[in-house]
Amino acid sequence: MDLKRRLPILRWSVLRMAAGVRHITTTGQIGDGREAAATEYVLRNARAGDIDDVLAAMDRFAYEKSMLMSIGDEKGLLLDAAVRRADPALALELGTYCGYGALRIARAAPNAKVFSVELAEANAANARRIWAHAGVADRVTCVVGTIGDGGRTLDALANEHGFASGALDFVFLDHDKDAYLNDLLSIVDRGWLRPGAIVVADNVRIPGAPKYREYMRQQQGKGWKTVEHKTHVEYQSLVSDLVLESEFLGPTST
């Protein structure tokens, strides 16, 4: 592995990303156009209908052009394994960004319907183009909204997309880290998770989701069974991160 791949955190694109963090919570993007550039790169360079090649192109862009806020190739292997363990018919992602995570879910669970909730319409548009290019647009759907919008997005998932009691097998959390816990509890309150469903949470150490992590620790062996995977922040090997994989044991009385 060459130095650029091992130490991408030193690249200028990462510094630009750090400078653009203030844009993320309001626009869902870094603010330097890298998301649109990544989309065009994939459409130009990846073979149409080849999900593996599309994911590889997204990884190349993140290593060689500009770092992306996707789970990435290293942590993506943890996501893949968790999806295969869940063997979902219905999967939900919170935080679409450029569509990378949903693509990995769709690849690991080829018979699943995958829904991804995204704050930013611009991100949704980019992701839909990438999914169409990969040939999975018939089973991966982006819903623009947030779980914390007073129930509108949850209602849309129920009324328009068939989310119902015990129907949800897998959840991937990769959006606003401060919203992880409340959003997951809102999903639990709807009764959608079946016992045995798996929830994967990215970036639990960096940028960090301390309330979510503490909740899972308190619930260990009660409502949840959690494994903490030590790994690295996406697309570099210097900064450590945590991915939490939690199996839902069923509702508990409080």
C-alpha atoms as a PDB file:
ATOM      1  CA  MET A   1       0.000   0.000   0.000  1.00  0.00           C
ATOM      2  CA  ASP A   2       1.498   3.352  -0.998  1.00  0.00           C
ATOM      3  CA  LEU A   3       1.918   6.383   1.245  1.00  0.00           C
ATOM      4  CA  LYS A   4      -1.021   8.265  -0.281  1.00  0.00           C
ATOM      5  CA  ARG A   5      -3.326   5.378   0.527  1.00  0.00           C
ATOM      6  CA  ARG A   6      -1.943   4.866   4.040  1.00  0.00           C
ATOM      7  CA  LEU A   7      -1.887   8.548   4.976  1.00  0.00           C
ATOM      8  CA  PRO A   8      -4.736  10.216   3.116  1.00  0.00           C
ATOM      9  CA  ILE A   9      -5.558  12.269   6.196  1.00  0.00           C
ATOM     10  CA  LEU A  10      -2.637  14.491   5.167  1.00  0.00           C
ATOM     11  CA  ARG A  11      -4.244  15.319   1.828  1.00  0.00           C
ATOM     12  CA  TRP A  12      -5.594  18.827   1.206  1.00  0.00           C
ATOM     13  CA  SER A  13      -9.071  17.384   0.500  1.00  0.00           C
ATOM     14  CA  VAL A  14      -9.265  16.297   4.136  1.00  0.00           C
ATOM     15  CA  LEU A  15      -8.342  19.766   5.351  1.00  0.00           C
ATOM     16  CA  ARG A  16     -11.022  21.226   3.077  1.00  0.00           C
ATOM     17  CA  MET A  17     -13.472  18.733   4.544  1.00  0.00           C
ATOM     18  CA  ALA A  18     -12.608  19.796   8.096  1.00  0.00           C
ATOM     19  CA  ALA A  19     -13.096  23.420   7.113  1.00  0.00           C
ATOM     20  CA  GLY A  20     -16.487  22.589   5.642  1.00  0.00           C
ATOM     21  CA  VAL A  21     -17.908  20.741   8.627  1.00  0.00           C
ATOM     22  CA  ARG A  22     -20.143  23.699   9.444  1.00  0.00           C
ATOM     23  CA  HIS A  23     -21.996  23.072   6.163  1.00  0.00           C
ATOM     24  CA  ILE A  24     -22.746  19.433   6.871  1.00  0.00           C
ATOM     25  CA  THR A  25     -25.520  19.818   9.423  1.00  0.00           C
ATOM     26  CA  THR A  26     -27.424  22.286   7.244  1.00  0.00           C
ATOM     27  CA  THR A  27     -26.680  21.159   3.693  1.00  0.00           C
ATOM     28  CA  GLY A  28     -25.497  17.563   4.103  1.00  0.00           C
ATOM     29  CA  GLN A  29     -22.432  18.385   1.994  1.00  0.00           C
ATOM     30  CA  ILE A  30     -18.883  19.572   2.601  1.00  0.00           C
ATOM     31  CA  GLY A  31     -19.396  22.652   0.457  1.00  0.00           C
ATOM     32  CA  ASP A  32     -16.580  22.269  -2.070  1.00  0.00           C
ATOM     33  CA  GLY A  33     -18.486  20.310  -4.699  1.00  0.00           C
ATOM     34  CA  ARG A  34     -16.847  16.954  -4.033  1.00  0.00           C
ATOM     35  CA  GLU A  35     -20.165  15.076  -3.889  1.00  0.00           C
ATOM     36  CA  ALA A  36     -21.213  16.127  -7.390  1.00  0.00           C
ATOM     37  CA  ALA A  37     -17.673  15.483  -8.618  1.00  0.00           C
ATOM     38  CA  ALA A  38     -17.754  11.976  -7.162  1.00  0.00           C
ATOM     39  CA  THR A  39     -21.033  11.277  -8.916  1.00  0.00           C
ATOM     40  CA  GLU A  40     -19.677  12.380 -12.283  1.00  0.00           C
ATOM     41  CA  TYR A  41     -16.496  10.379 -11.695  1.00  0.00           C
ATOM     42  CA  VAL A  42     -18.490   7.207 -11.044  1.00  0.00           C
ATOM     43  CA  LEU A  43     -20.684   7.674 -14.094  1.00  0.00           C
ATOM     44  CA  ARG A  44     -17.632   8.214 -16.294  1.00  0.00           C
ATOM     45  CA  ASN A  45     -15.389   5.497 -14.900  1.00  0.00           C
ATOM     46  CA  ALA A  46     -17.494   2.629 -13.500  1.00  0.00           C
ATOM     47  CA  ARG A  47     -19.128  -0.013 -15.678  1.00  0.00           C
ATOM     48  CA  ALA A  48     -22.899   0.411 -15.835  1.00  0.00           C
ATOM     49  CA  GLY A  49     -24.776  -2.335 -14.031  1.00  0.00           C
ATOM     50  CA  ASP A  50     -21.701  -3.478 -12.096  1.00  0.00           C
ATOM     51  CA  ILE A  51     -22.204  -2.746  -8.406  1.00  0.00           C
ATOM     52  CA  ASP A  52     -18.691  -3.929  -7.520  1.00  0.00           C
ATOM     53  CA  ASP A  53     -17.124  -1.570 -10.036  1.00  0.00           C
ATOM     54  CA  VAL A  54     -19.277   1.339  -8.878  1.00  0.00           C
ATOM     55  CA  LEU A  55     -18.185   0.830  -5.262  1.00  0.00           C
ATOM     56  CA  ALA A  56     -14.566   0.496  -6.365  1.00  0.00           C
ATOM     57  CA  ALA A  57     -14.830   3.760  -8.297  1.00  0.00           C
ATOM     58  CA  MET A  58     -16.249   5.537  -5.248  1.00  0.00           C
ATOM     59  CA  ASP A  59     -13.352   4.231  -3.164  1.00  0.00           C
ATOM     60  CA  ARG A  60     -10.827   5.370  -5.790  1.00  0.00           C
ATOM     61  CA  PHE A  61     -12.342   8.837  -5.831  1.00  0.00           C
ATOM     62  CA  ALA A  62     -12.153   9.033  -2.026  1.00  0.00           C
ATOM     63  CA  TYR A  63      -8.504   7.961  -1.972  1.00  0.00           C
ATOM     64  CA  GLU A  64      -7.211   9.772  -5.053  1.00  0.00           C
ATOM     65  CA  LYS A  65      -9.439  12.844  -5.480  1.00  0.00           C
ATOM     66  CA  SER A  66     -11.350  13.997  -2.382  1.00  0.00           C
ATOM     67  CA  MET A  67     -12.190  12.135   0.796  1.00  0.00           C
ATOM     68  CA  LEU A  68     -15.880  11.268   1.143  1.00  0.00           C
ATOM     69  CA  MET A  69     -18.006  10.935   4.285  1.00  0.00           C
ATOM     70  CA  SER A  70     -18.955   7.363   3.404  1.00  0.00           C
ATOM     71  CA  ILE A  71     -18.263   4.379   5.651  1.00  0.00           C
ATOM     72  CA  GLY A  72     -15.444   3.446   3.282  1.00  0.00           C
ATOM     73  CA  ASP A  73     -13.732   0.236   2.315  1.00  0.00           C
ATOM     74  CA  GLU A  74     -12.271  -0.830   5.689  1.00  0.00           C
ATOM     75  CA  LYS A  75     -15.364  -0.292   7.810  1.00  0.00           C
ATOM     76  CA  GLY A  76     -17.502  -1.354   4.873  1.00  0.00           C
ATOM     77  CA  LEU A  77     -16.363  -4.933   5.431  1.00  0.00           C
ATOM     78  CA  LEU A  78     -17.912  -4.785   8.917  1.00  0.00           C
ATOM     79  CA  LEU A  79     -21.134  -3.465   7.409  1.00  0.00           C
ATOM     80  CA  ASP A  80     -21.146  -6.221   4.788  1.00  0.00           C
ATOM     81  CA  ALA A  81     -20.724  -8.946   7.404  1.00  0.00           C
ATOM     82  CA  ALA A  82     -23.484  -7.526   9.615  1.00  0.00           C
ATOM     83  CA  VAL A  83     -25.879  -7.320   6.670  1.00  0.00           C
ATOM     84  CA  ARG A  84     -25.185 -10.924   5.748  1.00  0.00           C
ATOM     85  CA  ARG A  85     -25.832 -11.984   9.341  1.00  0.00           C
ATOM     86  CA  ALA A  86     -29.147 -10.127   9.367  1.00  0.00           C
ATOM     87  CA  ASP A  87     -30.139 -11.497   5.931  1.00  0.00           C
ATOM     88  CA  PRO A  88     -32.698  -8.687   5.616  1.00  0.00           C
ATOM     89  CA  ALA A  89     -35.782  -8.506   3.493  1.00  0.00           C
ATOM     90  CA  LEU A  90     -36.164  -4.854   4.558  1.00  0.00           C
ATOM     91  CA  ALA A  91     -33.252  -2.572   5.471  1.00  0.00           C
ATOM     92  CA  LEU A  92     -33.153   1.073   6.505  1.00  0.00           C
ATOM     93  CA  GLU A  93     -30.225   3.475   6.305  1.00  0.00           C
ATOM     94  CA  LEU A  94     -30.166   6.895   7.955  1.00  0.00           C
ATOM     95  CA  GLY A  95     -27.796   9.190   6.068  1.00  0.00           C
ATOM     96  CA  THR A  96     -27.561   8.532   2.339  1.00  0.00           C
ATOM     97  CA  TYR A  97     -24.803  10.980   1.399  1.00  0.00           C
ATOM     98  CA  CYS A  98     -23.587   9.741  -2.023  1.00  0.00           C
ATOM     99  CA  GLY A  99     -25.289   6.353  -1.744  1.00  0.00           C
ATOM    100  CA  TYR A 100     -22.247   4.263  -0.856  1.00  0.00           C
ATOM    101  CA  GLY A 101     -23.608   2.599   2.291  1.00  0.00           C
ATOM    102  CA  ALA A 102     -26.898   1.679   0.664  1.00  0.00           C
ATOM    103  CA  LEU A 103     -24.968   0.151  -2.238  1.00  0.00           C
ATOM    104  CA  ARG A 104     -22.993  -2.049   0.126  1.00  0.00           C
ATOM    105  CA  ILE A 105     -26.212  -3.133   1.842  1.00  0.00           C
ATOM    106  CA  ALA A 106     -27.839  -3.904  -1.496  1.00  0.00           C
ATOM    107  CA  ARG A 107     -24.825  -5.936  -2.605  1.00  0.00           C
ATOM    108  CA  ALA A 108     -24.654  -7.948   0.632  1.00  0.00           C
ATOM    109  CA  ALA A 109     -28.435  -8.564   0.627  1.00  0.00           C
ATOM    110  CA  PRO A 110     -29.421  -8.959  -3.034  1.00  0.00           C
ATOM    111  CA  ASN A 111     -33.038  -9.815  -2.200  1.00  0.00           C
ATOM    112  CA  ALA A 112     -33.597  -6.911   0.198  1.00  0.00           C
ATOM    113  CA  LYS A 113     -35.538  -3.718  -0.276  1.00  0.00           C
ATOM    114  CA  VAL A 114     -33.299  -0.904   0.959  1.00  0.00           C
ATOM    115  CA  PHE A 115     -34.601   2.506   2.040  1.00  0.00           C
ATOM    116  CA  SER A 116     -32.284   5.394   2.839  1.00  0.00           C
ATOM    117  CA  VAL A 117     -33.370   8.574   4.621  1.00  0.00           C
ATOM    118  CA  GLU A 118     -31.431  11.711   3.644  1.00  0.00           C
ATOM    119  CA  LEU A 119     -31.672  15.322   4.795  1.00  0.00           C
ATOM    120  CA  ALA A 120     -30.407  16.925   1.577  1.00  0.00           C
ATOM    121  CA  GLU A 121     -32.196  16.697  -1.756  1.00  0.00           C
ATOM    122  CA  ALA A 122     -28.872  17.291  -3.543  1.00  0.00           C
ATOM    123  CA  ASN A 123     -27.403  14.197  -1.915  1.00  0.00           C
ATOM    124  CA  ALA A 124     -30.521  12.211  -2.749  1.00  0.00           C
ATOM    125  CA  ALA A 125     -30.238  13.216  -6.411  1.00  0.00           C
ATOM    126  CA  ASN A 126     -26.579  12.193  -6.580  1.00  0.00           C
ATOM    127  CA  ALA A 127     -27.238   8.876  -4.859  1.00  0.00           C
ATOM    128  CA  ARG A 128     -30.128   8.043  -7.173  1.00  0.00           C
ATOM    129  CA  ARG A 129     -27.915   8.602 -10.220  1.00  0.00           C
ATOM    130  CA  ILE A 130     -25.236   6.335  -8.774  1.00  0.00           C
ATOM    131  CA  TRP A 131     -27.752   3.630  -7.830  1.00  0.00           C
ATOM    132  CA  ALA A 132     -29.251   3.728 -11.316  1.00  0.00           C
ATOM    133  CA  HIS A 133     -25.773   3.389 -12.820  1.00  0.00           C
ATOM    134  CA  ALA A 134     -25.089   0.405 -10.543  1.00  0.00           C
ATOM    135  CA  GLY A 135     -28.346  -1.233 -11.603  1.00  0.00           C
ATOM    136  CA  VAL A 136     -30.050  -1.277  -8.202  1.00  0.00           C
ATOM    137  CA  ALA A 137     -32.537   1.597  -8.527  1.00  0.00           C
ATOM    138  CA  ASP A 138     -35.417  -0.883  -8.518  1.00  0.00           C
ATOM    139  CA  ARG A 139     -34.671  -1.958  -4.946  1.00  0.00           C
ATOM    140  CA  VAL A 140     -32.918   1.027  -3.321  1.00  0.00           C
ATOM    141  CA  THR A 141     -35.063   4.069  -2.513  1.00  0.00           C
ATOM    142  CA  CYS A 142     -34.109   7.433  -1.043  1.00  0.00           C
ATOM    143  CA  VAL A 143     -36.635   9.224   1.157  1.00  0.00           C
ATOM    144  CA  VAL A 144     -35.808  12.904   1.727  1.00  0.00           C
ATOM    145  CA  GLY A 145     -36.436  13.883   5.338  1.00  0.00           C
ATOM    146  CA  THR A 146     -35.268  13.187   8.877  1.00  0.00           C
ATOM    147  CA  ILE A 147     -36.514  10.860  11.576  1.00  0.00           C
ATOM    148  CA  GLY A 148     -36.678  13.792  13.991  1.00  0.00           C
ATOM    149  CA  ASP A 149     -39.137  15.862  11.940  1.00  0.00           C
ATOM    150  CA  GLY A 150     -42.147  15.241  14.159  1.00  0.00           C
ATOM    151  CA  GLY A 151     -43.117  11.946  12.575  1.00  0.00           C
ATOM    152  CA  ARG A 152     -43.543  13.015   8.950  1.00  0.00           C
ATOM    153  CA  THR A 153     -40.740  10.833   7.597  1.00  0.00           C
ATOM    154  CA  LEU A 154     -41.696   7.900   9.808  1.00  0.00           C
ATOM    155  CA  ASP A 155     -45.288   8.221   8.611  1.00  0.00           C
ATOM    156  CA  ALA A 156     -44.090   8.281   5.004  1.00  0.00           C
ATOM    157  CA  LEU A 157     -42.099   5.104   5.531  1.00  0.00           C
ATOM    158  CA  ALA A 158     -45.177   3.440   7.025  1.00  0.00           C
ATOM    159  CA  ASN A 159     -47.846   4.743   4.677  1.00  0.00           C
ATOM    160  CA  GLU A 160     -45.942   4.870   1.405  1.00  0.00           C
ATOM    161  CA  HIS A 161     -43.301   2.174   1.758  1.00  0.00           C
ATOM    162  CA  GLY A 162     -44.836  -0.567   3.868  1.00  0.00           C
ATOM    163  CA  PHE A 163     -42.879  -0.287   7.113  1.00  0.00           C
ATOM    164  CA  ALA A 164     -44.898  -2.204   9.691  1.00  0.00           C
ATOM    165  CA  SER A 165     -44.628  -4.038  12.998  1.00  0.00           C
ATOM    166  CA  GLY A 166     -41.750  -6.509  13.025  1.00  0.00           C
ATOM    167  CA  ALA A 167     -40.902  -5.917   9.355  1.00  0.00           C
ATOM    168  CA  LEU A 168     -37.496  -4.242   9.715  1.00  0.00           C
ATOM    169  CA  ASP A 169     -34.455  -6.515   9.763  1.00  0.00           C
ATOM    170  CA  PHE A 170     -31.513  -4.150   9.515  1.00  0.00           C
ATOM    171  CA  VAL A 171     -30.692  -0.494  10.283  1.00  0.00           C
ATOM    172  CA  PHE A 172     -27.531   1.426   9.403  1.00  0.00           C
ATOM    173  CA  LEU A 173     -26.907   4.694  11.278  1.00  0.00           C
ATOM    174  CA  ASP A 174     -24.542   7.060   9.466  1.00  0.00           C
ATOM    175  CA  HIS A 175     -26.110  10.514   9.746  1.00  0.00           C
ATOM    176  CA  ASP A 176     -26.090  13.169  12.503  1.00  0.00           C
ATOM    177  CA  LYS A 177     -24.248  11.465  15.361  1.00  0.00           C
ATOM    178  CA  ASP A 178     -26.190  13.437  17.977  1.00  0.00           C
ATOM    179  CA  ALA A 179     -29.409  11.977  16.540  1.00  0.00           C
ATOM    180  CA  TYR A 180     -28.399   8.318  16.637  1.00  0.00           C
ATOM    181  CA  LEU A 181     -30.056   7.463  19.929  1.00  0.00           C
ATOM    182  CA  ASN A 182     -33.268   9.449  19.572  1.00  0.00           C
ATOM    183  CA  ASP A 183     -33.792   8.286  15.999  1.00  0.00           C
ATOM    184  CA  LEU A 184     -33.235   4.643  16.859  1.00  0.00           C
ATOM    185  CA  LEU A 185     -35.608   4.901  19.827  1.00  0.00           C
ATOM    186  CA  SER A 186     -38.233   6.446  17.533  1.00  0.00           C
ATOM    187  CA  ILE A 187     -37.914   3.435  15.246  1.00  0.00           C
ATOM    188  CA  VAL A 188     -38.147   1.067  18.209  1.00  0.00           C
ATOM    189  CA  ASP A 189     -41.247   2.896  19.449  1.00  0.00           C
ATOM    190  CA  ARG A 190     -42.916   2.212  16.095  1.00  0.00           C
ATOM    191  CA  GLY A 191     -42.415  -1.507  16.706  1.00  0.00           C
ATOM    192  CA  TRP A 192     -40.770  -2.009  13.322  1.00  0.00           C
ATOM    193  CA  LEU A 193     -37.707  -3.937  14.513  1.00  0.00           C
ATOM    194  CA  ARG A 194     -38.090  -7.685  14.714  1.00  0.00           C
ATOM    195  CA  PRO A 195     -36.252  -9.520  17.494  1.00  0.00           C
ATOM    196  CA  GLY A 196     -32.917 -10.481  16.017  1.00  0.00           C
ATOM    197  CA  ALA A 197     -32.713  -7.385  13.821  1.00  0.00           C
ATOM    198  CA  ILE A 198     -29.248  -5.819  13.609  1.00  0.00           C
ATOM    199  CA  VAL A 199     -28.328  -2.140  13.908  1.00  0.00           C
ATOM    200  CA  VAL A 200     -24.909  -0.905  12.776  1.00  0.00           C
ATOM    201  CA  ALA A 201     -23.693   2.546  13.872  1.00  0.00           C
ATOM    202  CA  ASP A 202     -20.689   4.202  12.205  1.00  0.00           C
ATOM    203  CA  ASN A 203     -18.373   6.903  13.605  1.00  0.00           C
ATOM    204  CA  VAL A 204     -19.203   6.153  17.235  1.00  0.00           C
ATOM    205  CA  ARG A 205     -15.762   7.372  18.313  1.00  0.00           C
ATOM    206  CA  ILE A 206     -15.039  10.003  15.614  1.00  0.00           C
ATOM    207  CA  PRO A 207     -16.915  12.385  15.407  1.00  0.00           C
ATOM    208  CA  GLY A 208     -18.537  10.412  18.239  1.00  0.00           C
ATOM    209  CA  ALA A 209     -21.937   9.309  19.498  1.00  0.00           C
ATOM    210  CA  PRO A 210     -21.359   9.041  23.277  1.00  0.00           C
ATOM    211  CA  LYS A 211     -25.022   8.958  24.310  1.00  0.00           C
ATOM    212  CA  TYR A 212     -25.724   6.158  21.856  1.00  0.00           C
ATOM    213  CA  ARG A 213     -22.715   4.168  23.032  1.00  0.00           C
ATOM    214  CA  GLU A 214     -23.641   4.600  26.693  1.00  0.00           C
ATOM    215  CA  TYR A 215     -27.219   3.514  25.991  1.00  0.00           C
ATOM    216  CA  MET A 216     -26.038   0.334  24.292  1.00  0.00           C
ATOM    217  CA  ARG A 217     -23.723  -0.393  27.214  1.00  0.00           C
ATOM    218  CA  GLN A 218     -26.591   0.033  29.675  1.00  0.00           C
ATOM    219  CA  GLN A 219     -28.853  -2.174  27.554  1.00  0.00           C
ATOM    220  CA  GLN A 220     -26.320  -4.960  27.094  1.00  0.00           C
ATOM    221  CA  GLY A 221     -28.101  -8.297  27.591  1.00  0.00           C
ATOM    222  CA  LYS A 222     -31.437  -6.559  28.147  1.00  0.00           C
ATOM    223  CA  GLY A 223     -32.879  -4.993  25.028  1.00  0.00           C
ATOM    224  CA  TRP A 224     -29.684  -5.237  22.992  1.00  0.00           C
ATOM    225  CA  LYS A 225     -26.540  -7.310  22.520  1.00  0.00           C
ATOM    226  CA  THR A 226     -23.706  -5.128  21.203  1.00  0.00           C
ATOM    227  CA  VAL A 227     -20.240  -5.756  19.819  1.00  0.00           C
ATOM    228  CA  GLU A 228     -17.834  -2.826  19.486  1.00  0.00           C
ATOM    229  CA  HIS A 229     -15.551  -3.110  16.455  1.00  0.00           C
ATOM    230  CA  LYS A 230     -12.275  -1.192  16.663  1.00  0.00           C
ATOM    231  CA  THR A 231     -11.375   0.246  13.276  1.00  0.00           C
ATOM    232  CA  HIS A 232     -10.287   3.513  11.630  1.00  0.00           C
ATOM    233  CA  VAL A 233     -11.948   6.651  10.346  1.00  0.00           C
ATOM    234  CA  GLU A 234     -12.836   6.230   6.688  1.00  0.00           C
ATOM    235  CA  TYR A 235     -10.152   6.274   4.007  1.00  0.00           C
ATOM    236  CA  GLN A 236      -7.104   6.570   6.269  1.00  0.00           C
ATOM    237  CA  SER A 237      -5.234   4.559   8.864  1.00  0.00           C
ATOM    238  CA  LEU A 238      -4.139   7.099  11.474  1.00  0.00           C
ATOM    239  CA  VAL A 239      -7.296   7.900  13.437  1.00  0.00           C
ATOM    240  CA  SER A 240      -9.137   5.140  15.251  1.00  0.00           C
ATOM    241  CA  ASP A 241     -12.907   4.788  15.207  1.00  0.00           C
ATOM    242  CA  LEU A 242     -15.613   2.475  16.510  1.00  0.00           C
ATOM    243  CA  VAL A 243     -18.413   0.719  14.680  1.00  0.00           C
ATOM    244  CA  LEU A 244     -21.130  -0.675  16.942  1.00  0.00           C
ATOM    245  CA  GLU A 245     -23.096  -3.718  15.858  1.00  0.00           C
ATOM    246  CA  SER A 246     -26.182  -4.291  18.012  1.00  0.00           C
ATOM    247  CA  GLU A 247     -28.674  -7.131  17.887  1.00  0.00           C
ATOM    248  CA  PHE A 248     -32.194  -6.218  18.998  1.00  0.00           C
ATOM    249  CA  LEU A 249     -33.332  -8.695  21.658  1.00  0.00           C
ATOM    250  CA  GLY A 250     -36.854  -7.327  21.860  1.00  0.00           C
ATOM    251  CA  PRO A 251     -38.716  -4.552  23.684  1.00  0.00           C
ATOM    252  CA  THR A 252     -38.110  -4.155  27.389  1.00  0.00           C
ATOM    253  CA  SER A 253     -40.209  -2.493  30.049  1.00  0.00           C
ATOM    254  CA  THR A 254     -38.778   0.701  31.508  1.00  0.00           C
END
